[in-house]
Amino acid sequence: MASDLTHYRAFLILYLGYRDDHHGIFVQTGGTEKDPRGLLFHVIGNIQSGMDFEMATKTPVGSPMFLSMKQTGWVPRDKLEEVEAVARTISPPGKQYDVSRCLVPKDQIRHCQHWAAEATDALREKGVLTLLAPGESGIAYRCGDGEATREVFVAESA
């Protein structure tokens, strides 16, 4: 069974976005319960000009744009470098609009939410990310009244 001694916690993280919330993958490598720190894997840009992959060291709950993050699973400590390698294999969404003219069929538009879901699936398929098992406890952070709160939850079956 995974634990903080052998694994890092992996989260789906949400930041306030212009139209839709921005999604990414956060791997907590340090910090405290109130101030988690780690690596953020996400795409930046927009569908007007295209997006690029970015990996950054972050303290997410301190950001004024932070909304929430919920643990999705565990990354073995010896596979941390593989997170970036696998995430880079997922193509960032490209340019999909020219001003108001859509360049791809509407049902094929990809945003950061799509990239984060595809990257999570790829990490799981490559054995880098183990999802929380049904009944396993996880951690979630939510922003409210200008302060992030930490909660423990129990994973449900898929």
N, C-alpha and C. Protein backbone atom coordinates (compact mmCIF):
# COMPACT_ATOMS: atom_id res chain seq x y z
N MET A 1 0.84 -1.18 0.00
CA MET A 1 0.00 0.00 0.00
C MET A 1 0.89 1.25 0.00
N ALA A 2 0.47 2.25 -0.72
CA ALA A 2 1.23 3.49 -0.83
C ALA A 2 1.18 4.29 0.47
N SER A 3 2.26 5.01 0.74
CA SER A 3 2.30 5.90 1.91
C SER A 3 3.20 7.08 1.58
N ASP A 4 3.16 8.09 2.44
CA ASP A 4 4.00 9.27 2.25
C ASP A 4 5.49 8.93 2.37
N LEU A 5 5.83 7.80 2.95
CA LEU A 5 7.23 7.41 3.07
C LEU A 5 7.81 6.89 1.76
N THR A 6 6.97 6.27 0.94
CA THR A 6 7.45 5.64 -0.29
C THR A 6 6.93 6.30 -1.57
N HIS A 7 5.95 7.17 -1.43
CA HIS A 7 5.28 7.77 -2.58
C HIS A 7 5.03 9.27 -2.36
N TYR A 8 4.81 9.97 -3.47
CA TYR A 8 4.34 11.35 -3.44
C TYR A 8 2.86 11.36 -3.77
N ARG A 9 2.12 12.27 -3.16
CA ARG A 9 0.70 12.43 -3.48
C ARG A 9 0.55 13.18 -4.80
N ALA A 10 -0.34 12.71 -5.65
CA ALA A 10 -0.64 13.37 -6.93
C ALA A 10 -2.06 13.92 -6.87
N PHE A 11 -2.24 15.12 -7.41
CA PHE A 11 -3.52 15.82 -7.32
C PHE A 11 -3.96 16.33 -8.70
N LEU A 12 -5.27 16.44 -8.88
CA LEU A 12 -5.83 17.25 -9.96
C LEU A 12 -6.00 18.63 -9.33
N ILE A 13 -5.39 19.64 -9.93
CA ILE A 13 -5.43 20.99 -9.37
C ILE A 13 -6.23 21.89 -10.28
N LEU A 14 -7.00 22.79 -9.68
CA LEU A 14 -7.83 23.73 -10.43
C LEU A 14 -7.47 25.15 -10.02
N TYR A 15 -7.25 25.99 -11.03
CA TYR A 15 -7.03 27.42 -10.84
C TYR A 15 -8.15 28.17 -11.54
N LEU A 16 -8.46 29.34 -11.04
CA LEU A 16 -9.46 30.19 -11.66
C LEU A 16 -8.99 30.57 -13.06
N GLY A 17 -9.87 30.37 -14.04
CA GLY A 17 -9.54 30.70 -15.42
C GLY A 17 -10.48 31.74 -15.97
N TYR A 18 -10.14 32.25 -17.15
CA TYR A 18 -10.95 33.30 -17.77
C TYR A 18 -12.35 32.80 -18.09
N ARG A 19 -12.42 31.71 -18.83
CA ARG A 19 -13.72 31.16 -19.23
C ARG A 19 -14.04 29.88 -18.48
N ASP A 20 -13.06 29.02 -18.42
CA ASP A 20 -13.19 27.76 -17.71
C ASP A 20 -12.04 27.67 -16.71
N ASP A 21 -12.20 26.85 -15.69
CA ASP A 21 -11.12 26.69 -14.72
C ASP A 21 -9.94 25.99 -15.38
N HIS A 22 -8.74 26.37 -14.96
CA HIS A 22 -7.51 25.81 -15.49
C HIS A 22 -7.17 24.54 -14.70
N HIS A 23 -6.89 23.44 -15.41
CA HIS A 23 -6.56 22.17 -14.78
C HIS A 23 -5.10 21.82 -14.99
N GLY A 24 -4.53 21.14 -14.01
CA GLY A 24 -3.17 20.64 -14.11
C GLY A 24 -2.99 19.47 -13.17
N ILE A 25 -1.79 18.93 -13.17
CA ILE A 25 -1.43 17.82 -12.28
C ILE A 25 -0.37 18.34 -11.32
N PHE A 26 -0.60 18.17 -10.04
CA PHE A 26 0.34 18.63 -9.02
C PHE A 26 0.84 17.42 -8.25
N VAL A 27 2.16 17.32 -8.11
CA VAL A 27 2.77 16.24 -7.32
C VAL A 27 3.43 16.90 -6.11
N GLN A 28 2.92 16.58 -4.93
CA GLN A 28 3.44 17.19 -3.70
C GLN A 28 4.74 16.50 -3.30
N THR A 29 5.83 17.27 -3.32
CA THR A 29 7.14 16.72 -2.98
C THR A 29 7.65 17.23 -1.64
N GLY A 30 6.95 18.17 -1.03
CA GLY A 30 7.40 18.73 0.25
C GLY A 30 6.37 19.67 0.81
N GLY A 31 6.84 20.54 1.71
CA GLY A 31 5.95 21.49 2.35
C GLY A 31 5.31 20.90 3.58
N THR A 32 4.21 21.49 3.98
CA THR A 32 3.48 21.07 5.18
C THR A 32 2.03 20.78 4.81
N GLU A 33 1.26 20.34 5.80
CA GLU A 33 -0.17 20.09 5.55
C GLU A 33 -0.88 21.36 5.10
N LYS A 34 -0.54 22.50 5.69
CA LYS A 34 -1.20 23.76 5.32
C LYS A 34 -0.56 24.42 4.11
N ASP A 35 0.67 24.05 3.79
CA ASP A 35 1.42 24.72 2.74
C ASP A 35 2.15 23.69 1.86
N PRO A 36 1.39 22.88 1.10
CA PRO A 36 2.05 21.86 0.28
C PRO A 36 2.88 22.49 -0.84
N ARG A 37 4.01 21.87 -1.15
CA ARG A 37 4.88 22.34 -2.23
C ARG A 37 5.17 21.17 -3.15
N GLY A 38 5.47 21.49 -4.38
CA GLY A 38 5.79 20.42 -5.31
C GLY A 38 5.87 20.90 -6.74
N LEU A 39 5.59 19.97 -7.64
CA LEU A 39 5.73 20.23 -9.07
C LEU A 39 4.36 20.27 -9.74
N LEU A 40 4.16 21.31 -10.53
CA LEU A 40 2.93 21.47 -11.31
C LEU A 40 3.25 21.13 -12.76
N PHE A 41 2.47 20.23 -13.32
CA PHE A 41 2.58 19.84 -14.73
C PHE A 41 1.29 20.31 -15.40
N HIS A 42 1.41 21.18 -16.40
CA HIS A 42 0.22 21.69 -17.06
C HIS A 42 0.60 22.30 -18.41
N VAL A 43 -0.41 22.78 -19.13
CA VAL A 43 -0.17 23.48 -20.38
C VAL A 43 -0.59 24.93 -20.19
N ILE A 44 0.15 25.82 -20.82
CA ILE A 44 -0.14 27.24 -20.73
C ILE A 44 -0.35 27.80 -22.13
N GLY A 45 -1.13 28.85 -22.21
CA GLY A 45 -1.45 29.46 -23.50
C GLY A 45 -2.95 29.52 -23.67
N ASN A 46 -3.39 29.51 -24.92
CA ASN A 46 -4.83 29.55 -25.19
C ASN A 46 -5.11 28.90 -26.54
N ILE A 47 -6.39 28.74 -26.84
CA ILE A 47 -6.76 28.07 -28.09
C ILE A 47 -6.70 29.00 -29.29
N GLN A 48 -6.43 30.28 -29.07
CA GLN A 48 -6.21 31.22 -30.17
C GLN A 48 -4.80 31.10 -30.74
N SER A 49 -3.82 30.85 -29.85
CA SER A 49 -2.43 30.79 -30.31
C SER A 49 -1.78 29.43 -30.09
N GLY A 50 -2.43 28.56 -29.34
CA GLY A 50 -1.87 27.25 -29.02
C GLY A 50 -1.28 27.25 -27.63
N MET A 51 -0.99 26.06 -27.13
CA MET A 51 -0.50 25.90 -25.77
C MET A 51 0.84 25.19 -25.76
N ASP A 52 1.56 25.37 -24.66
CA ASP A 52 2.86 24.74 -24.44
C ASP A 52 2.87 24.03 -23.10
N PHE A 53 3.62 22.94 -23.03
CA PHE A 53 3.79 22.21 -21.77
C PHE A 53 4.67 23.03 -20.84
N GLU A 54 4.34 22.99 -19.54
CA GLU A 54 5.17 23.64 -18.53
C GLU A 54 5.22 22.78 -17.29
N MET A 55 6.42 22.68 -16.72
CA MET A 55 6.60 22.08 -15.40
C MET A 55 7.18 23.17 -14.53
N ALA A 56 6.59 23.40 -13.36
CA ALA A 56 7.04 24.48 -12.49
C ALA A 56 6.97 24.04 -11.03
N THR A 57 7.89 24.54 -10.24
CA THR A 57 7.85 24.33 -8.79
C THR A 57 6.84 25.31 -8.22
N LYS A 58 5.91 24.82 -7.43
CA LYS A 58 4.82 25.67 -6.94
C LYS A 58 4.48 25.42 -5.48
N THR A 59 3.92 26.45 -4.88
CA THR A 59 3.21 26.38 -3.61
C THR A 59 1.80 26.83 -3.95
N PRO A 60 0.95 25.90 -4.40
CA PRO A 60 -0.31 26.30 -5.04
C PRO A 60 -1.32 27.01 -4.16
N VAL A 61 -1.46 26.62 -2.90
CA VAL A 61 -2.53 27.21 -2.10
C VAL A 61 -2.28 28.68 -1.79
N GLY A 62 -1.07 29.17 -2.02
CA GLY A 62 -0.78 30.58 -1.81
C GLY A 62 -1.15 31.47 -2.98
N SER A 63 -1.49 30.88 -4.10
CA SER A 63 -1.83 31.65 -5.29
C SER A 63 -3.23 32.24 -5.18
N PRO A 64 -3.42 33.51 -5.56
CA PRO A 64 -4.76 34.08 -5.52
C PRO A 64 -5.71 33.43 -6.53
N MET A 65 -5.17 32.69 -7.51
CA MET A 65 -5.99 32.03 -8.52
C MET A 65 -6.35 30.59 -8.13
N PHE A 66 -5.79 30.10 -7.02
CA PHE A 66 -6.02 28.71 -6.60
C PHE A 66 -7.49 28.51 -6.22
N LEU A 67 -8.08 27.42 -6.73
CA LEU A 67 -9.45 27.05 -6.37
C LEU A 67 -9.48 25.80 -5.50
N SER A 68 -8.85 24.72 -6.01
CA SER A 68 -8.89 23.47 -5.25
C SER A 68 -7.89 22.48 -5.84
N MET A 69 -7.62 21.44 -5.06
CA MET A 69 -6.90 20.29 -5.59
C MET A 69 -7.34 19.08 -4.79
N LYS A 70 -7.49 17.97 -5.51
CA LYS A 70 -7.98 16.74 -4.91
C LYS A 70 -7.05 15.61 -5.31
N GLN A 71 -6.64 14.84 -4.32
CA GLN A 71 -5.70 13.76 -4.59
C GLN A 71 -6.34 12.73 -5.51
N THR A 72 -5.58 12.38 -6.55
CA THR A 72 -6.03 11.35 -7.49
C THR A 72 -5.32 10.03 -7.23
N GLY A 73 -4.11 10.12 -6.64
CA GLY A 73 -3.37 8.89 -6.40
C GLY A 73 -1.97 9.15 -5.89
N TRP A 74 -1.07 8.22 -6.23
CA TRP A 74 0.28 8.20 -5.70
C TRP A 74 1.30 7.99 -6.82
N VAL A 75 2.46 8.64 -6.68
CA VAL A 75 3.59 8.45 -7.58
C VAL A 75 4.74 7.90 -6.73
N PRO A 76 5.29 6.74 -7.07
CA PRO A 76 6.43 6.23 -6.31
C PRO A 76 7.58 7.25 -6.36
N ARG A 77 8.26 7.41 -5.23
CA ARG A 77 9.33 8.40 -5.15
C ARG A 77 10.41 8.17 -6.21
N ASP A 78 10.67 6.91 -6.55
CA ASP A 78 11.71 6.63 -7.54
C ASP A 78 11.22 6.83 -8.98
N LYS A 79 9.96 7.24 -9.17
CA LYS A 79 9.43 7.46 -10.52
C LYS A 79 9.06 8.93 -10.77
N LEU A 80 9.51 9.82 -9.88
CA LEU A 80 9.14 11.23 -10.02
C LEU A 80 9.60 11.80 -11.37
N GLU A 81 10.81 11.48 -11.80
CA GLU A 81 11.31 12.00 -13.08
C GLU A 81 10.48 11.51 -14.26
N GLU A 82 9.86 10.35 -14.11
CA GLU A 82 9.05 9.80 -15.20
C GLU A 82 7.75 10.59 -15.40
N VAL A 83 7.30 11.31 -14.36
CA VAL A 83 6.08 12.11 -14.52
C VAL A 83 6.28 13.12 -15.64
N GLU A 84 7.38 13.85 -15.60
CA GLU A 84 7.65 14.83 -16.66
C GLU A 84 7.79 14.15 -18.02
N ALA A 85 8.52 13.05 -18.06
CA ALA A 85 8.75 12.36 -19.33
C ALA A 85 7.43 11.92 -19.97
N VAL A 86 6.54 11.34 -19.17
CA VAL A 86 5.25 10.87 -19.70
C VAL A 86 4.37 12.07 -20.06
N ALA A 87 4.35 13.10 -19.20
CA ALA A 87 3.51 14.28 -19.47
C ALA A 87 3.91 14.94 -20.78
N ARG A 88 5.20 14.95 -21.08
CA ARG A 88 5.68 15.57 -22.32
C ARG A 88 5.24 14.79 -23.57
N THR A 89 4.82 13.53 -23.41
CA THR A 89 4.35 12.77 -24.57
C THR A 89 2.94 13.14 -24.99
N ILE A 90 2.23 13.86 -24.14
CA ILE A 90 0.85 14.29 -24.45
C ILE A 90 0.93 15.64 -25.15
N SER A 91 0.48 15.68 -26.37
CA SER A 91 0.55 16.92 -27.16
C SER A 91 -0.29 18.01 -26.51
N PRO A 92 0.31 19.19 -26.33
CA PRO A 92 -0.49 20.32 -25.85
C PRO A 92 -1.51 20.73 -26.91
N PRO A 93 -2.64 21.25 -26.49
CA PRO A 93 -3.61 21.73 -27.48
C PRO A 93 -2.98 22.80 -28.37
N GLY A 94 -3.22 22.69 -29.65
CA GLY A 94 -2.67 23.65 -30.60
C GLY A 94 -3.62 24.81 -30.87
N LYS A 95 -3.26 25.61 -31.83
CA LYS A 95 -4.12 26.72 -32.26
C LYS A 95 -5.39 26.13 -32.85
N GLN A 96 -6.54 26.58 -32.33
CA GLN A 96 -7.81 26.00 -32.76
C GLN A 96 -8.80 27.05 -33.28
N TYR A 97 -8.42 28.32 -33.13
CA TYR A 97 -9.25 29.41 -33.62
C TYR A 97 -8.39 30.43 -34.32
N ASP A 98 -8.94 31.06 -35.33
CA ASP A 98 -8.35 32.24 -35.95
C ASP A 98 -9.37 33.34 -35.75
N VAL A 99 -9.16 34.15 -34.74
CA VAL A 99 -10.11 35.14 -34.25
C VAL A 99 -11.41 34.43 -33.88
N SER A 100 -12.44 34.53 -34.69
CA SER A 100 -13.70 33.85 -34.35
C SER A 100 -13.95 32.61 -35.21
N ARG A 101 -13.05 32.32 -36.14
CA ARG A 101 -13.23 31.17 -37.03
C ARG A 101 -12.59 29.93 -36.41
N CYS A 102 -13.42 28.92 -36.20
CA CYS A 102 -12.95 27.67 -35.62
C CYS A 102 -12.17 26.88 -36.69
N LEU A 103 -10.97 26.43 -36.33
CA LEU A 103 -10.10 25.71 -37.27
C LEU A 103 -10.24 24.20 -37.18
N VAL A 104 -10.94 23.71 -36.17
CA VAL A 104 -11.18 22.27 -35.99
C VAL A 104 -12.67 22.07 -35.72
N PRO A 105 -13.17 20.85 -35.96
CA PRO A 105 -14.58 20.61 -35.61
C PRO A 105 -14.81 20.88 -34.12
N LYS A 106 -15.94 21.48 -33.81
CA LYS A 106 -16.24 21.87 -32.42
C LYS A 106 -16.07 20.73 -31.43
N ASP A 107 -16.41 19.49 -31.84
CA ASP A 107 -16.29 18.37 -30.91
C ASP A 107 -14.85 17.89 -30.73
N GLN A 108 -13.90 18.52 -31.43
CA GLN A 108 -12.49 18.14 -31.30
C GLN A 108 -11.64 19.23 -30.64
N ILE A 109 -12.28 20.27 -30.12
CA ILE A 109 -11.55 21.33 -29.43
C ILE A 109 -10.99 20.76 -28.13
N ARG A 110 -9.71 21.04 -27.89
CA ARG A 110 -9.03 20.58 -26.67
C ARG A 110 -8.58 21.78 -25.86
N HIS A 111 -8.77 21.68 -24.54
CA HIS A 111 -8.36 22.69 -23.58
C HIS A 111 -7.37 22.06 -22.61
N CYS A 112 -6.96 22.84 -21.62
CA CYS A 112 -6.07 22.30 -20.58
C CYS A 112 -6.74 21.17 -19.80
N GLN A 113 -8.06 21.21 -19.68
CA GLN A 113 -8.78 20.14 -18.98
C GLN A 113 -8.59 18.80 -19.70
N HIS A 114 -8.66 18.85 -21.02
CA HIS A 114 -8.47 17.63 -21.81
C HIS A 114 -7.04 17.12 -21.64
N TRP A 115 -6.07 18.05 -21.73
CA TRP A 115 -4.67 17.66 -21.59
C TRP A 115 -4.43 17.00 -20.23
N ALA A 116 -4.93 17.59 -19.16
CA ALA A 116 -4.72 17.04 -17.82
C ALA A 116 -5.32 15.64 -17.69
N ALA A 117 -6.50 15.43 -18.25
CA ALA A 117 -7.14 14.11 -18.20
C ALA A 117 -6.33 13.09 -19.01
N GLU A 118 -5.87 13.49 -20.20
CA GLU A 118 -5.07 12.59 -21.05
C GLU A 118 -3.74 12.26 -20.38
N ALA A 119 -3.11 13.25 -19.76
CA ALA A 119 -1.84 13.02 -19.07
C ALA A 119 -2.02 12.10 -17.87
N THR A 120 -3.10 12.28 -17.13
CA THR A 120 -3.39 11.40 -15.98
C THR A 120 -3.57 9.97 -16.46
N ASP A 121 -4.32 9.78 -17.53
CA ASP A 121 -4.52 8.43 -18.09
C ASP A 121 -3.19 7.82 -18.52
N ALA A 122 -2.35 8.61 -19.18
CA ALA A 122 -1.04 8.11 -19.65
C ALA A 122 -0.15 7.74 -18.47
N LEU A 123 -0.15 8.55 -17.43
CA LEU A 123 0.66 8.24 -16.23
C LEU A 123 0.20 6.93 -15.59
N ARG A 124 -1.11 6.75 -15.56
CA ARG A 124 -1.65 5.51 -14.99
C ARG A 124 -1.28 4.31 -15.86
N GLU A 125 -1.45 4.46 -17.17
CA GLU A 125 -1.16 3.36 -18.09
C GLU A 125 0.31 2.96 -18.07
N LYS A 126 1.21 3.93 -17.85
CA LYS A 126 2.66 3.66 -17.81
C LYS A 126 3.12 3.18 -16.43
N GLY A 127 2.21 3.10 -15.46
CA GLY A 127 2.57 2.63 -14.12
C GLY A 127 3.28 3.66 -13.28
N VAL A 128 3.19 4.93 -13.66
CA VAL A 128 3.83 6.00 -12.89
C VAL A 128 2.88 6.52 -11.82
N LEU A 129 1.60 6.48 -12.09
CA LEU A 129 0.57 6.95 -11.16
C LEU A 129 -0.34 5.78 -10.80
N THR A 130 -0.51 5.58 -9.51
CA THR A 130 -1.49 4.59 -9.03
C THR A 130 -2.66 5.37 -8.47
N LEU A 131 -3.84 5.17 -9.02
CA LEU A 131 -5.03 5.88 -8.54
C LEU A 131 -5.40 5.41 -7.14
N LEU A 132 -6.06 6.30 -6.40
CA LEU A 132 -6.56 5.91 -5.09
C LEU A 132 -7.53 4.74 -5.27
N ALA A 133 -7.43 3.78 -4.40
CA ALA A 133 -8.33 2.63 -4.45
C ALA A 133 -9.64 2.97 -3.74
N PRO A 134 -10.75 2.33 -4.13
CA PRO A 134 -12.01 2.57 -3.41
C PRO A 134 -11.81 2.30 -1.92
N GLY A 135 -12.28 3.23 -1.10
CA GLY A 135 -12.14 3.11 0.35
C GLY A 135 -10.85 3.69 0.90
N GLU A 136 -9.90 4.02 0.02
CA GLU A 136 -8.63 4.61 0.47
C GLU A 136 -8.82 6.09 0.78
N SER A 137 -8.15 6.57 1.81
CA SER A 137 -8.23 7.98 2.18
C SER A 137 -7.33 8.83 1.29
N GLY A 138 -7.81 10.02 0.97
CA GLY A 138 -7.05 10.98 0.19
C GLY A 138 -7.17 12.35 0.81
N ILE A 139 -6.45 13.31 0.25
CA ILE A 139 -6.42 14.68 0.75
C ILE A 139 -6.99 15.61 -0.32
N ALA A 140 -7.72 16.61 0.12
CA ALA A 140 -8.22 17.65 -0.79
C ALA A 140 -8.02 19.00 -0.13
N TYR A 141 -7.76 20.01 -0.96
CA TYR A 141 -7.64 21.39 -0.50
C TYR A 141 -8.67 22.20 -1.27
N ARG A 142 -9.33 23.11 -0.57
CA ARG A 142 -10.31 23.98 -1.21
C ARG A 142 -10.10 25.41 -0.72
N CYS A 143 -10.30 26.34 -1.62
CA CYS A 143 -10.17 27.75 -1.26
C CYS A 143 -11.53 28.27 -0.81
N GLY A 144 -11.53 29.00 0.28
CA GLY A 144 -12.76 29.60 0.77
C GLY A 144 -12.43 30.73 1.72
N ASP A 145 -13.07 31.85 1.53
CA ASP A 145 -12.84 33.02 2.37
C ASP A 145 -11.38 33.42 2.40
N GLY A 146 -10.71 33.30 1.25
CA GLY A 146 -9.32 33.73 1.15
C GLY A 146 -8.31 32.79 1.79
N GLU A 147 -8.76 31.64 2.24
CA GLU A 147 -7.86 30.69 2.89
C GLU A 147 -8.17 29.28 2.41
N ALA A 148 -7.14 28.49 2.24
CA ALA A 148 -7.34 27.10 1.80
C ALA A 148 -7.57 26.21 3.01
N THR A 149 -8.51 25.31 2.88
CA THR A 149 -8.76 24.33 3.94
C THR A 149 -8.38 22.94 3.44
N ARG A 150 -7.89 22.13 4.34
CA ARG A 150 -7.46 20.76 4.02
C ARG A 150 -8.50 19.79 4.54
N GLU A 151 -8.88 18.84 3.72
CA GLU A 151 -9.90 17.85 4.11
C GLU A 151 -9.39 16.46 3.77
N VAL A 152 -9.82 15.48 4.54
CA VAL A 152 -9.55 14.09 4.22
C VAL A 152 -10.85 13.53 3.64
N PHE A 153 -10.75 12.75 2.57
CA PHE A 153 -11.92 12.13 1.98
C PHE A 153 -11.63 10.66 1.73
N VAL A 154 -12.67 9.90 1.47
CA VAL A 154 -12.53 8.48 1.15
C VAL A 154 -12.89 8.30 -0.32
N ALA A 155 -11.97 7.70 -1.07
CA ALA A 155 -12.17 7.48 -2.51
C ALA A 155 -13.34 6.53 -2.74
N GLU A 156 -14.13 6.87 -3.75
CA GLU A 156 -15.26 6.03 -4.13
C GLU A 156 -14.85 5.14 -5.29
N SER A 157 -15.65 4.13 -5.55
CA SER A 157 -15.36 3.26 -6.68
C SER A 157 -15.61 4.02 -7.97
N ALA A 158 -14.85 3.65 -9.00
CA ALA A 158 -14.92 4.37 -10.28
C ALA A 158 -16.23 4.15 -10.99
